[in-house]
C-alpha atoms as a PDB file:
ATOM      1  CA  MET A   1      -0.399 -10.989 -22.886  1.00  0.00           C
ATOM      2  CA  SER A   2      -2.205  -8.654 -20.131  1.00  0.00           C
ATOM      3  CA  THR A   3      -5.613  -9.565 -19.473  1.00  0.00           C
ATOM      4  CA  LEU A   4      -7.058  -6.355 -18.711  1.00  0.00           C
ATOM      5  CA  GLY A   5      -4.366  -3.992 -18.460  1.00  0.00           C
ATOM      6  CA  GLU A   6      -2.747  -5.296 -15.130  1.00  0.00           C
ATOM      7  CA  PRO A   7       1.131  -4.432 -16.137  1.00  0.00           C
ATOM      8  CA  TRP A   8      -0.054  -1.104 -16.864  1.00  0.00           C
ATOM      9  CA  LEU A   9      -2.589  -0.746 -13.173  1.00  0.00           C
ATOM     10  CA  ILE A  10       0.320  -2.616 -11.431  1.00  0.00           C
ATOM     11  CA  ARG A  11       3.145  -0.012 -12.760  1.00  0.00           C
ATOM     12  CA  HIS A  12       0.888   3.169 -11.996  1.00  0.00           C
ATOM     13  CA  ALA A  13      -0.495   2.311  -8.380  1.00  0.00           C
ATOM     14  CA  THR A  14      -0.325   5.280  -6.689  1.00  0.00           C
ATOM     15  CA  TYR A  15      -2.006   6.637  -3.269  1.00  0.00           C
ATOM     16  CA  TYR A  16      -3.595   9.642  -3.554  1.00  0.00           C
ATOM     17  CA  ALA A  17      -4.503  11.184   0.205  1.00  0.00           C
ATOM     18  CA  SER A  18      -6.460  14.234   0.882  1.00  0.00           C
ATOM     19  CA  PRO A  19      -4.583  17.343   1.830  1.00  0.00           C
ATOM     20  CA  GLU A  20      -6.646  17.231   4.747  1.00  0.00           C
ATOM     21  CA  ALA A  21      -6.106  13.702   5.741  1.00  0.00           C
ATOM     22  CA  THR A  22      -4.640  13.435   9.437  1.00  0.00           C
ATOM     23  CA  THR A  23      -1.797  11.565  10.492  1.00  0.00           C
ATOM     24  CA  THR A  24      -4.062   8.756  11.975  1.00  0.00           C
ATOM     25  CA  GLU A  25      -6.013   8.639   8.905  1.00  0.00           C
ATOM     26  CA  LEU A  26      -3.383   8.038   7.292  1.00  0.00           C
ATOM     27  CA  LEU A  27      -1.727   5.268   9.071  1.00  0.00           C
ATOM     28  CA  ASN A  28      -4.997   3.751   8.723  1.00  0.00           C
ATOM     29  CA  ASP A  29      -5.266   3.954   5.675  1.00  0.00           C
ATOM     30  CA  ALA A  30      -1.657   2.312   5.240  1.00  0.00           C
ATOM     31  CA  THR A  31      -3.001  -0.515   7.601  1.00  0.00           C
ATOM     32  CA  GLU A  32      -5.738  -1.305   5.582  1.00  0.00           C
ATOM     33  CA  TRP A  33      -3.941  -1.498   2.346  1.00  0.00           C
ATOM     34  CA  LEU A  34      -1.268  -3.789   3.751  1.00  0.00           C
ATOM     35  CA  GLN A  35      -4.160  -6.473   5.629  1.00  0.00           C
ATOM     36  CA  TYR A  36      -5.396  -6.670   2.300  1.00  0.00           C
ATOM     37  CA  ALA A  37      -2.341  -7.513   1.025  1.00  0.00           C
ATOM     38  CA  ARG A  38      -1.312 -10.039   3.851  1.00  0.00           C
ATOM     39  CA  ASN A  39      -4.881 -11.576   3.386  1.00  0.00           C
ATOM     40  CA  THR A  40      -4.615 -11.717  -0.514  1.00  0.00           C
ATOM     41  CA  VAL A  41      -1.249 -13.848  -0.014  1.00  0.00           C
ATOM     42  CA  ALA A  42      -2.800 -16.174   2.797  1.00  0.00           C
ATOM     43  CA  LEU A  43      -5.894 -16.800   0.314  1.00  0.00           C
ATOM     44  CA  PHE A  44      -3.196 -17.676  -2.059  1.00  0.00           C
ATOM     45  CA  GLY A  45      -1.376 -20.341  -0.008  1.00  0.00           C
ATOM     46  CA  GLU A  46      -4.674 -21.624   0.669  1.00  0.00           C
ATOM     47  CA  LEU A  47      -5.505 -22.073  -2.888  1.00  0.00           C
ATOM     48  CA  ILE A  48      -2.305 -23.146  -4.127  1.00  0.00           C
ATOM     49  CA  GLU A  49      -1.928 -25.780  -1.174  1.00  0.00           C
ATOM     50  CA  ASP A  50      -5.401 -27.259  -2.155  1.00  0.00           C
ATOM     51  CA  ALA A  51      -5.291 -26.780  -6.382  1.00  0.00           C
ATOM     52  CA  GLY A  52      -2.073 -28.766  -6.390  1.00  0.00           C
ATOM     53  CA  GLU A  53      -1.150 -27.207  -9.760  1.00  0.00           C
ATOM     54  CA  VAL A  54      -0.844 -22.988 -10.722  1.00  0.00           C
ATOM     55  CA  ASP A  55      -1.492 -21.069 -13.597  1.00  0.00           C
ATOM     56  CA  GLU A  56       1.930 -19.430 -13.809  1.00  0.00           C
ATOM     57  CA  SER A  57       1.010 -16.704 -15.395  1.00  0.00           C
ATOM     58  CA  ARG A  58      -2.459 -15.735 -13.518  1.00  0.00           C
ATOM     59  CA  LEU A  59      -0.099 -16.575 -10.406  1.00  0.00           C
ATOM     60  CA  ALA A  60       2.134 -13.868 -11.263  1.00  0.00           C
ATOM     61  CA  VAL A  61      -0.513 -11.106 -12.523  1.00  0.00           C
ATOM     62  CA  ALA A  62      -1.849 -11.952  -8.765  1.00  0.00           C
ATOM     63  CA  LEU A  63       1.474 -11.184  -7.148  1.00  0.00           C
ATOM     64  CA  GLN A  64       2.049  -8.098  -8.833  1.00  0.00           C
ATOM     65  CA  GLY A  65      -1.457  -7.026  -7.735  1.00  0.00           C
ATOM     66  CA  VAL A  66      -0.242  -8.155  -3.897  1.00  0.00           C
ATOM     67  CA  SER A  67       3.136  -6.045  -4.620  1.00  0.00           C
ATOM     68  CA  ALA A  68       0.710  -3.036  -5.841  1.00  0.00           C
ATOM     69  CA  LEU A  69      -1.263  -3.262  -2.685  1.00  0.00           C
ATOM     70  CA  ILE A  70       2.574  -3.322  -0.520  1.00  0.00           C
ATOM     71  CA  GLU A  71       3.328  -0.189  -2.480  1.00  0.00           C
ATOM     72  CA  LEU A  72      -0.155   1.850  -1.789  1.00  0.00           C
ATOM     73  CA  GLY A  73       0.415   1.013   1.690  1.00  0.00           C
ATOM     74  CA  THR A  74       4.323   2.019   1.944  1.00  0.00           C
ATOM     75  CA  GLN A  75       3.304   5.649   0.022  1.00  0.00           C
ATOM     76  CA  CYS A  76       0.535   6.012   2.842  1.00  0.00           C
ATOM     77  CA  ALA A  77       2.532   5.131   5.496  1.00  0.00           C
ATOM     78  CA  MET A  78       5.760   7.657   4.019  1.00  0.00           C
ATOM     79  CA  GLN A  79       2.994  10.354   3.451  1.00  0.00           C
ATOM     80  CA  ALA A  80       1.895   9.596   7.537  1.00  0.00           C
ATOM     81  CA  HIS A  81       5.878   9.994   8.092  1.00  0.00           C
ATOM     82  CA  ALA A  82       6.447  12.892   5.996  1.00  0.00           C
ATOM     83  CA  GLN A  83       3.489  15.354   7.975  1.00  0.00           C
ATOM     84  CA  LEU A  84       4.646  13.722  11.552  1.00  0.00           C
ATOM     85  CA  GLN A  85       8.330  15.567  10.238  1.00  0.00           C
ATOM     86  CA  TRP A  86       6.332  18.502   9.469  1.00  0.00           C
ATOM     87  CA  GLN A  87       4.387  18.817  12.397  1.00  0.00           C
ATOM     88  CA  GLN A  88       7.696  18.243  14.875  1.00  0.00           C
ATOM     89  CA  ALA A  89       9.265  20.930  12.469  1.00  0.00           C
ATOM     90  CA  ASP A  90       6.652  23.529  12.980  1.00  0.00           C
ATOM     91  CA  ALA A  91       6.560  22.494  16.669  1.00  0.00           C
ATOM     92  CA  THR A  92      10.231  22.873  17.349  1.00  0.00           C
ATOM     93  CA  GLU A  93       9.766  26.561  15.258  1.00  0.00           C
ATOM     94  CA  GLU A  94       6.958  27.534  17.992  1.00  0.00           C
ATOM     95  CA  LEU A  95       9.363  26.377  20.439  1.00  0.00           C
ATOM     96  CA  HIS A  96      12.072  28.823  19.401  1.00  0.00           C
ATOM     97  CA  LYS A  97       9.932  31.882  18.207  1.00  0.00           C
ATOM     98  CA  ASP A  98       9.569  32.248  22.238  1.00  0.00           C
END
């Protein structure tokens, strides 16, 4: 049974960047998403160690949420990479025009 529609949210996590976002802004966003994921996993580790027993279904949903954060960070980094590729192609084209 899903709680608050987590499975839908997790399957549909998508990063939408502003068309005006710079490569640096995209990479900063990617870093932020990945830090959220890292800190969440670290917190899970502490809580599990302290609790001794874990509700497997809640843990599974939480880990899927971490997966969504990692996916958002990855999408953001991929957009930054694509932007760099376009910038390099434009620069190369400009060099060949002269």
